[in-house]
C-alpha cells in the first residue's frame, strides 16, 4: 500500500488520559469564599460590611492590647509608662491574679490544695463525660466530692468520712427499697445520708479541727473564680439528678407526688434567682434547728440547686414527652417494672434528646454564679467590684479586669458547648 494512501480507521488510545487538575476557582480557599462569602450579591454585600466592622474593631483594640503594660505597681505608674499613649494596664492582672483566682482571704501557702482538687476533678469527671472509659473509674468519681471537700476546706478528715458513711448507708437503703418504690428508695436514701451526717457531726469532739492535718479554711475565705467554679460544678452535679426526680414526679400517677412537684417547679421558675440568694443569705438559716450555724456556701448551694433543678426538670419532661408511646409499651411487654423501665429504656433516650437543653441550663447557671456578689460573697466579679477597684492603686481600671473575667467564663462555657456537641454526635445513632 502506498504511503500516500489516506487512513480510514480512527485512532483508538490504549492508555487512559491522566486527569487534569480542577480549575482554581473550584478548589481551595477560592472555592470556599465563593460558596460561603460571595455566593450571591446580598451575601457579598454583607461580607464586605462585616469585614469593615471587624477592621474598625481591630484597629481600635489591637494597638490598645499590644501596647499594654504588664509590670507596674499602680494605675498611675501605668499612665506614666504609657506617657500619654494608648494602652491597656494589664499590670493589675499581674499584681492581683491570686485574688482574682482564689480570693483575697484564702491562705497563699495553701493554694496547692484547690489546685490539687482541680486536677483531681479532671480525673473524676472523665468517666462521666467520656462513657467509653472503664466503669471502674467511677469509684474515683464517687469519692472525689469528699476528697475535694477536705482539700479545700481542710479541718478534720472525720467530717468527709462521716458524710461518705452516710451516703453509703443511703445507697444501701436505696438498693433495699427501690424495687418496691422508686420515690421511697430515693428519698429514704437521702434521709439516711443526711441523718448519719448530722449525727456524726454532733458526735465530733469540739476543737478537733485544731489538730487536723490540713488547716481549716472557713467558707467566708473562699473567693475569686475558684468560688464560681465550685458553685457551678456543685450545683450542676446536684441539680441534674434532682431535676430527673422532679420530672418523673410531675408525670407520676399519684396526685400528691405530682402536685408537690408541679408547685415546686412553677414556684421556683417564677422567682428570680437573686431573690432566692437573698433568702439564702437572710432567711434560710431560720429553717434549720435552733442553735445550729449553717454555712453560707451551703445555703447558696441549696438555693441555686433548687433554682436550676426546676428548669432542668422541665427540659427533661420535654424529652420524656418526645418519646413515642410505643417505648413505654415495649418496656411493659418485656415485664420491666417502673424503675427498670426508666433506667434501661426511657431515661437514656429522654436524656439524649434533652442534652441541648441541659447544657443551656448549665451554661446559664455557671454564669449566674456571679450573682452571689450581691450577698457579699467575693467571687470573681465581687473581687473586681470590691477589694480591687476599691483600692487606691487600681481605682479606675475596668476594661482589663472585666475583660479577664469575660475570658475565663467564655473558655469554660465554650468548652461545655463543644463537649455537648461532641456528645450529641457520639449518641446520634438514629439513622446509622
Protein backbone atom coordinates (compact mmCIF):
# COMPACT_ATOMS: atom_id res chain seq x y z
CA UNK A 1 0.00 0.00 0.00
CA UNK A 2 1.28 3.42 -0.86
CA UNK A 3 2.29 5.81 1.98
CA UNK A 4 0.15 8.48 0.38
CA UNK A 5 -2.97 6.39 0.78
CA UNK A 6 -5.47 8.12 3.18
CA UNK A 7 -6.03 6.44 6.57
CA UNK A 8 -9.66 5.46 7.03
CA UNK A 9 -9.50 3.82 10.50
CA UNK A 10 -9.86 6.13 13.59
CA UNK A 11 -7.05 6.06 16.16
CA UNK A 12 -8.02 4.37 19.42
CA UNK A 13 -5.93 5.01 22.55
CA UNK A 14 -4.84 2.04 24.59
CA UNK A 15 -3.97 4.10 27.74
CA UNK A 16 -6.06 6.40 29.91
CA UNK A 17 -5.57 10.14 29.66
CA UNK A 18 -4.23 11.47 33.01
CA UNK A 19 -6.83 13.57 34.86
CA UNK A 20 -6.48 17.30 34.54
CA UNK A 21 -6.36 19.42 37.70
CA UNK A 22 -9.65 21.15 38.55
CA UNK A 23 -9.97 24.87 37.87
CA UNK A 24 -8.51 27.09 40.59
CA UNK A 25 -11.93 28.62 41.18
CA UNK A 26 -13.40 25.24 42.15
CA UNK A 27 -10.98 24.15 44.90
CA UNK A 28 -9.24 25.56 47.92
CA UNK A 29 -9.85 28.92 49.58
CA UNK A 30 -11.29 30.49 46.44
CA UNK A 31 -13.99 27.83 46.22
CA UNK A 32 -14.79 28.24 49.96
CA UNK A 33 -15.06 32.02 49.64
CA UNK A 34 -17.29 31.81 46.60
CA UNK A 35 -19.57 29.29 48.30
CA UNK A 36 -19.77 30.82 51.78
CA UNK A 37 -18.99 34.53 51.46
CA UNK A 38 -19.80 35.67 47.92
CA UNK A 39 -22.42 33.20 46.71
CA UNK A 40 -24.94 35.94 45.93
CA UNK A 41 -24.87 39.71 45.68
CA UNK A 42 -26.59 40.22 49.11
CA UNK A 43 -24.12 37.80 50.71
CA UNK A 44 -21.21 39.66 49.14
CA UNK A 45 -22.51 42.99 50.48
CA UNK A 46 -22.98 41.56 53.97
CA UNK A 47 -19.49 40.05 53.85
CA UNK A 48 -17.90 43.38 52.93
CA UNK A 49 -19.83 45.20 55.66
CA UNK A 50 -18.79 42.58 58.23
CA UNK A 51 -15.15 42.84 57.17
CA UNK A 52 -15.30 46.62 57.52
CA UNK A 53 -16.78 46.33 61.04
CA UNK A 54 -14.08 43.81 62.02
CA UNK A 55 -11.41 46.15 60.67
CA UNK A 56 -12.74 49.07 62.72
CA UNK A 57 -12.88 46.97 65.91
CA UNK A 58 -9.38 45.55 65.45
CA UNK A 59 -7.95 48.94 64.53
CA UNK A 60 -9.16 50.32 67.85
CA UNK A 61 -8.44 47.36 70.13
CA UNK A 62 -5.23 45.79 68.80
CA UNK A 63 -2.99 48.84 69.47
CA UNK A 64 -4.55 49.13 72.94
CA UNK A 65 -3.80 45.46 73.67
CA UNK A 66 -0.34 45.27 72.07
CA UNK A 67 0.77 48.46 73.81
CA UNK A 68 -0.37 47.17 77.20
CA UNK A 69 1.73 47.47 80.34
CA UNK A 70 2.25 44.28 82.33
CA UNK A 71 4.62 45.46 85.05
CA UNK A 72 3.55 48.41 87.19
CA UNK A 73 2.58 48.85 90.85
CA UNK A 74 -0.48 51.05 90.20
CA UNK A 75 -2.65 52.69 87.59
CA UNK A 76 -0.71 55.93 87.99
CA UNK A 77 2.54 54.13 87.19
CA UNK A 78 0.90 52.57 84.11
CA UNK A 79 -0.07 56.01 82.82
CA UNK A 80 3.43 57.32 83.44
CA UNK A 81 4.91 54.44 81.45
CA UNK A 82 2.47 54.99 78.59
CA UNK A 83 3.30 58.72 78.69
CA UNK A 84 0.05 59.83 77.11
CA UNK A 85 -0.16 56.92 74.67
CA UNK A 86 -2.99 54.44 74.34
CA UNK A 87 -2.53 51.10 76.03
CA UNK A 88 -4.04 48.68 78.49
CA UNK A 89 -2.91 48.43 82.09
CA UNK A 90 -2.59 44.65 82.33
CA UNK A 91 -0.36 45.13 85.35
CA UNK A 92 -3.47 44.82 87.51
CA UNK A 93 -3.73 41.20 86.36
CA UNK A 94 -0.09 40.56 87.18
CA UNK A 95 -0.43 42.14 90.61
CA UNK A 96 -3.83 40.75 91.64
CA UNK A 97 -4.09 37.44 89.77
CA UNK A 98 -4.11 35.44 93.01
CA UNK A 99 -7.06 37.47 94.31
CA UNK A 100 -8.94 37.03 91.05
CA UNK A 101 -8.49 33.27 91.18
CA UNK A 102 -8.53 32.42 94.90
CA UNK A 103 -9.98 35.48 96.63
CA UNK A 104 -8.17 37.80 99.00
CA UNK A 105 -8.50 35.72 102.19
CA UNK A 106 -7.56 32.20 101.15
CA UNK A 107 -4.06 31.50 102.59
CA UNK A 108 -1.44 31.86 99.87
CA UNK A 109 0.61 28.97 101.27
CA UNK A 110 -2.44 26.71 100.79
CA UNK A 111 -3.03 27.43 97.09
CA UNK A 112 -1.82 23.92 96.29
CA UNK A 113 -4.96 22.49 97.86
CA UNK A 114 -7.54 23.93 95.41
CA UNK A 115 -5.06 23.32 92.59
CA UNK A 116 -4.82 19.65 93.51
CA UNK A 117 -8.62 19.48 93.87
CA UNK A 118 -8.99 20.88 90.34
CA UNK A 119 -6.60 18.29 88.90
CA UNK A 120 -8.49 15.52 90.71
CA UNK A 121 -11.73 16.96 89.34
CA UNK A 122 -10.49 16.46 85.78
CA UNK A 123 -9.76 12.79 86.50
CA UNK A 124 -13.06 12.33 88.37
CA UNK A 125 -15.12 13.93 85.60
CA UNK A 126 -13.53 11.91 82.80
CA UNK A 127 -15.50 8.64 83.38
CA UNK A 128 -18.75 10.64 83.47
CA UNK A 129 -18.05 12.77 80.42
CA UNK A 130 -16.48 10.02 78.29
CA UNK A 131 -18.69 6.98 78.75
CA UNK A 132 -16.35 4.60 76.92
CA UNK A 133 -13.81 4.68 79.73
CA UNK A 134 -13.81 1.72 82.15
CA UNK A 135 -16.69 1.86 84.59
CA UNK A 136 -14.36 1.02 87.47
CA UNK A 137 -13.10 4.60 87.33
CA UNK A 138 -16.48 5.75 88.64
CA UNK A 139 -15.29 4.75 92.11
CA UNK A 140 -12.89 7.69 91.99
CA UNK A 141 -15.73 9.90 90.77
CA UNK A 142 -17.86 8.91 93.77
CA UNK A 143 -15.02 9.57 96.22
CA UNK A 144 -13.98 12.90 94.69
CA UNK A 145 -16.56 15.17 96.44
CA UNK A 146 -15.40 14.05 99.87
CA UNK A 147 -11.71 14.37 99.00
CA UNK A 148 -12.26 17.79 97.42
CA UNK A 149 -14.18 18.99 100.48
CA UNK A 150 -11.32 18.01 102.76
CA UNK A 151 -8.69 19.56 100.47
CA UNK A 152 -10.40 22.92 100.04
CA UNK A 153 -11.92 23.39 103.48
CA UNK A 154 -9.39 21.38 105.47
CA UNK A 155 -10.09 20.55 109.09
CA UNK A 156 -10.73 17.07 110.39
CA UNK A 157 -10.83 14.25 107.88
CA UNK A 158 -13.55 12.64 110.02
CA UNK A 159 -16.15 15.05 108.61
CA UNK A 160 -15.92 13.84 104.97
CA UNK A 161 -15.55 10.25 106.20
CA UNK A 162 -18.79 10.52 108.18
CA UNK A 163 -20.51 12.08 105.16
CA UNK A 164 -19.22 9.23 102.99
CA UNK A 165 -20.56 6.70 105.50
CA UNK A 166 -23.92 8.45 105.39
CA UNK A 167 -24.17 8.20 101.61
CA UNK A 168 -23.05 4.57 101.66
CA UNK A 169 -25.83 3.84 104.15
CA UNK A 170 -28.26 5.77 101.96
CA UNK A 171 -27.19 3.75 98.93
CA UNK A 172 -27.89 0.54 100.82
CA UNK A 173 -31.35 1.82 101.75
CA UNK A 174 -31.99 2.74 98.12
CA UNK A 175 -30.89 -0.71 96.95
CA UNK A 176 -33.13 -2.35 99.51
CA UNK A 177 -36.34 -0.41 98.83
CA UNK A 178 -36.06 0.72 95.21
CA UNK A 179 -37.65 -2.49 93.96
CA UNK A 180 -40.83 -1.61 95.80
CA UNK A 181 -40.97 2.14 95.33
CA UNK A 182 -38.60 4.39 93.41
CA UNK A 183 -39.60 7.50 95.34
CA UNK A 184 -39.39 5.76 98.71
CA UNK A 185 -35.95 4.41 97.92
CA UNK A 186 -34.58 7.73 96.69
CA UNK A 187 -35.90 9.92 99.48
CA UNK A 188 -35.09 7.26 102.05
CA UNK A 189 -31.50 7.18 100.85
CA UNK A 190 -31.21 10.96 101.10
CA UNK A 191 -32.79 10.96 104.57
CA UNK A 192 -30.43 8.28 105.88
CA UNK A 193 -27.39 10.03 104.40
CA UNK A 194 -28.30 13.36 105.99
CA UNK A 195 -29.16 11.71 109.32
CA UNK A 196 -25.80 9.93 109.54
CA UNK A 197 -24.01 13.12 108.52
CA UNK A 198 -25.78 15.27 111.13
CA UNK A 199 -25.46 12.76 113.97
CA UNK A 200 -21.83 12.12 113.13
CA UNK A 201 -21.10 15.83 113.11
CA UNK A 202 -22.71 16.23 116.53
CA UNK A 203 -20.58 13.44 117.96
CA UNK A 204 -17.31 15.01 116.83
CA UNK A 205 -15.39 16.47 119.75
CA UNK A 206 -15.04 20.23 119.75
CA UNK A 207 -11.70 21.62 118.68
CA UNK A 208 -10.86 18.58 116.57
CA UNK A 209 -10.01 20.85 113.61
CA UNK A 210 -7.20 22.45 115.55
CA UNK A 211 -5.16 19.24 115.42
CA UNK A 212 -6.10 18.40 111.85
CA UNK A 213 -3.57 17.55 109.19
CA UNK A 214 -4.81 20.38 106.96
CA UNK A 215 -5.58 23.78 108.49
CA UNK A 216 -9.28 24.62 108.37
CA UNK A 217 -10.32 27.37 105.96
CA UNK A 218 -13.81 28.86 106.57
CA UNK A 219 -16.15 29.34 103.63
CA UNK A 220 -16.08 33.12 104.01
CA UNK A 221 -12.40 32.97 102.97
CA UNK A 222 -13.26 31.37 99.62
CA UNK A 223 -13.42 33.75 96.69
CA UNK A 224 -12.42 34.60 93.16
CA UNK A 225 -13.01 32.38 90.16
CA UNK A 226 -12.47 29.37 92.41
CA UNK A 227 -15.76 30.16 94.15
CA UNK A 228 -17.62 30.49 90.83
CA UNK A 229 -16.20 27.19 89.62
CA UNK A 230 -17.07 25.39 92.86
CA UNK A 231 -20.63 26.70 92.84
CA UNK A 232 -21.11 25.83 89.18
CA UNK A 233 -19.78 22.27 89.43
CA UNK A 234 -21.57 21.52 92.70
CA UNK A 235 -24.95 22.93 91.71
CA UNK A 236 -24.98 21.37 88.23
CA UNK A 237 -23.98 17.98 89.67
CA UNK A 238 -26.78 18.13 92.22
CA UNK A 239 -29.48 19.69 90.04
CA UNK A 240 -29.37 17.10 87.23
CA UNK A 241 -30.44 14.09 89.37
CA UNK A 242 -32.88 16.27 91.31
CA UNK A 243 -34.32 17.55 88.03
CA UNK A 244 -34.78 13.95 86.84
CA UNK A 245 -36.69 13.10 90.01
CA UNK A 246 -38.87 16.21 89.67
CA UNK A 247 -39.61 15.46 86.01
CA UNK A 248 -40.62 11.89 86.84
CA UNK A 249 -42.63 13.12 89.81
CA UNK A 250 -44.52 15.58 87.63
CA UNK A 251 -45.59 12.71 85.39
CA UNK A 252 -46.49 10.46 88.34
CA UNK A 253 -49.95 8.93 88.58
CA UNK A 254 -50.02 9.71 92.32
CA UNK A 255 -51.78 13.09 92.70
CA UNK A 256 -49.93 14.08 95.87
CA UNK A 257 -46.46 13.47 94.38
CA UNK A 258 -47.46 15.10 91.11
CA UNK A 259 -48.81 18.32 92.64
CA UNK A 260 -45.89 18.69 95.03
CA UNK A 261 -43.52 18.58 92.04
CA UNK A 262 -45.74 20.89 89.96
CA UNK A 263 -45.99 23.51 92.71
CA UNK A 264 -42.26 23.36 93.40
CA UNK A 265 -41.30 23.71 89.74
CA UNK A 266 -43.72 26.51 88.94
CA UNK A 267 -42.93 28.47 92.11
CA UNK A 268 -39.15 28.26 91.67
CA UNK A 269 -39.36 29.17 87.97
CA UNK A 270 -41.49 32.20 88.83
CA UNK A 271 -38.99 33.67 91.31
CA UNK A 272 -35.77 35.45 90.24
CA UNK A 273 -32.53 33.81 91.32
CA UNK A 274 -31.35 36.97 93.05
CA UNK A 275 -34.41 36.79 95.31
CA UNK A 276 -33.56 33.21 96.26
CA UNK A 277 -29.99 34.28 97.03
CA UNK A 278 -31.24 36.95 99.40
CA UNK A 279 -33.43 34.32 101.04
CA UNK A 280 -30.37 32.07 101.38
CA UNK A 281 -28.41 34.91 102.94
CA UNK A 282 -31.05 36.17 105.37
CA UNK A 283 -33.93 33.76 105.93
CA UNK A 284 -32.82 30.21 105.16
CA UNK A 285 -30.97 29.87 108.47
CA UNK A 286 -34.33 30.11 110.30
CA UNK A 287 -35.41 26.80 108.73
CA UNK A 288 -32.58 24.88 110.39
CA UNK A 289 -32.67 23.65 114.02
CA UNK A 290 -32.11 26.36 116.67
CA UNK A 291 -28.54 26.82 117.76
CA UNK A 292 -27.04 25.47 114.54
CA UNK A 293 -24.87 27.64 112.33
CA UNK A 294 -25.42 26.87 108.66
CA UNK A 295 -22.62 27.79 106.33
CA UNK A 296 -23.46 30.50 103.77
CA UNK A 297 -21.86 28.46 100.99
CA UNK A 298 -24.19 25.56 101.79
CA UNK A 299 -27.22 27.84 101.82
CA UNK A 300 -26.28 29.30 98.46
CA UNK A 301 -25.73 25.82 97.01
CA UNK A 302 -29.19 24.78 98.21
CA UNK A 303 -30.92 27.75 96.59
CA UNK A 304 -29.03 27.63 93.29
CA UNK A 305 -29.59 23.87 93.08
CA UNK A 306 -33.32 24.31 93.66
CA UNK A 307 -33.44 27.04 91.01
CA UNK A 308 -31.59 25.09 88.32
CA UNK A 309 -33.29 21.75 89.09
CA UNK A 310 -36.69 23.29 88.32
CA UNK A 311 -35.50 24.32 84.85
CA UNK A 312 -33.74 21.01 84.21
CA UNK A 313 -36.92 19.18 85.24
CA UNK A 314 -38.86 20.96 82.50
CA UNK A 315 -36.14 20.20 79.96
CA UNK A 316 -36.19 16.51 80.85
CA UNK A 317 -40.00 16.49 80.87
CA UNK A 318 -39.84 17.70 77.28
CA UNK A 319 -37.51 14.80 76.46
CA UNK A 320 -39.91 12.36 78.09
CA UNK A 321 -42.84 13.81 76.18
CA UNK A 322 -40.92 13.49 72.91
CA UNK A 323 -40.68 9.70 73.22
CA UNK A 324 -43.40 7.76 71.40
CA UNK A 325 -45.86 5.82 73.50
CA UNK A 326 -44.52 2.61 71.99
CA UNK A 327 -41.35 2.86 74.10
CA UNK A 328 -43.37 2.68 77.31
CA UNK A 329 -45.43 -0.19 75.91
CA UNK A 330 -42.24 -2.01 74.88
CA UNK A 331 -40.95 -1.76 78.44
CA UNK A 332 -44.25 -3.18 79.74
CA UNK A 333 -44.13 -6.02 77.22
CA UNK A 334 -40.69 -7.01 78.49
CA UNK A 335 -42.07 -7.31 82.01
CA UNK A 336 -39.95 -4.47 83.42
CA UNK A 337 -41.14 -2.65 86.50
CA UNK A 338 -41.15 1.16 86.71
CA UNK A 339 -37.54 1.69 87.95
CA UNK A 340 -36.15 -0.80 85.43
CA UNK A 341 -38.10 0.73 82.55
CA UNK A 342 -36.94 4.24 83.44
CA UNK A 343 -33.31 3.22 83.92
CA UNK A 344 -32.93 0.93 80.91
CA UNK A 345 -35.27 2.26 78.23
CA UNK A 346 -36.98 5.59 78.87
CA UNK A 347 -34.41 7.84 80.57
CA UNK A 348 -31.46 7.03 78.25
CA UNK A 349 -33.50 8.16 75.25
CA UNK A 350 -35.05 11.14 77.02
CA UNK A 351 -31.70 12.39 78.30
CA UNK A 352 -30.20 12.11 74.82
CA UNK A 353 -32.97 14.33 73.47
CA UNK A 354 -32.55 16.74 76.39
CA UNK A 355 -28.78 17.27 76.04
CA UNK A 356 -29.01 20.73 74.35
CA UNK A 357 -31.49 22.00 76.93
CA UNK A 358 -29.50 20.66 79.89
CA UNK A 359 -26.30 22.24 78.56
CA UNK A 360 -28.13 25.52 78.06
CA UNK A 361 -29.26 25.49 81.70
CA UNK A 362 -25.75 24.51 82.87
CA UNK A 363 -24.11 27.37 80.96
CA UNK A 364 -26.65 29.87 82.26
CA UNK A 365 -26.24 28.56 85.79
CA UNK A 366 -22.46 28.88 85.67
CA UNK A 367 -22.73 32.50 84.55
CA UNK A 368 -25.41 33.20 87.17
CA UNK A 369 -22.98 32.27 89.94
CA UNK A 370 -21.69 35.84 89.64
CA UNK A 371 -24.92 36.97 91.33
CA UNK A 372 -23.54 35.81 94.68
CA UNK A 373 -21.56 39.06 94.77
CA UNK A 374 -24.79 40.86 95.79
CA UNK A 375 -24.85 38.92 99.08
CA UNK A 376 -21.26 39.82 99.98
CA UNK A 377 -19.59 36.70 98.60
CA UNK A 378 -16.37 37.72 96.90
CA UNK A 379 -16.46 35.69 93.71
CA UNK A 380 -14.62 36.87 90.60
CA UNK A 381 -16.99 39.77 89.94
CA UNK A 382 -17.24 40.52 93.65
CA UNK A 383 -13.45 40.74 93.87
CA UNK A 384 -13.35 43.17 90.96
CA UNK A 385 -16.17 45.38 92.22
CA UNK A 386 -14.98 45.21 95.83
CA UNK A 387 -11.40 44.96 97.05
CA UNK A 388 -9.61 45.59 93.74
CA UNK A 389 -11.49 48.62 92.42
CA UNK A 390 -11.83 49.98 95.96
CA UNK A 391 -8.05 50.09 96.35
CA UNK A 392 -6.32 53.37 95.63
CA UNK A 393 -3.76 51.69 93.35
CA UNK A 394 -6.22 50.30 90.81
CA UNK A 395 -9.29 52.51 91.11
CA UNK A 396 -10.30 53.26 87.53
CA UNK A 397 -9.21 50.01 85.85
CA UNK A 398 -12.32 48.44 84.31
CA UNK A 399 -11.81 47.04 80.82
CA UNK A 400 -8.81 44.93 81.76
CA UNK A 401 -10.46 43.32 84.79
CA UNK A 402 -13.88 42.67 83.31
CA UNK A 403 -12.28 41.52 80.05
CA UNK A 404 -10.26 38.97 82.01
CA UNK A 405 -13.43 37.80 83.79
CA UNK A 406 -15.27 37.51 80.47
CA UNK A 407 -12.38 35.48 79.02
CA UNK A 408 -12.44 32.98 81.89
CA UNK A 409 -16.19 32.47 81.66
CA UNK A 410 -16.04 32.22 77.87
CA UNK A 411 -13.39 29.48 77.97
CA UNK A 412 -15.43 27.37 80.40
CA UNK A 413 -18.79 27.92 78.68
CA UNK A 414 -17.33 27.34 75.21
CA UNK A 415 -15.74 24.11 76.43
CA UNK A 416 -19.10 22.93 77.79
CA UNK A 417 -20.79 23.78 74.49
CA UNK A 418 -18.19 21.95 72.40
CA UNK A 419 -18.41 18.89 74.64
CA UNK A 420 -22.20 18.80 74.29
CA UNK A 421 -21.92 18.92 70.50
CA UNK A 422 -19.37 16.10 70.56
CA UNK A 423 -21.64 14.05 72.83
CA UNK A 424 -24.61 14.62 70.51
CA UNK A 425 -22.56 13.33 67.57
CA UNK A 426 -21.49 10.28 69.56
CA UNK A 427 -25.08 9.47 70.55
CA UNK A 428 -26.62 10.23 67.14
CA UNK A 429 -27.47 6.60 66.37
CA UNK A 430 -30.96 7.13 64.97
CA UNK A 431 -30.07 6.97 61.28
CA UNK A 432 -26.87 4.89 61.25
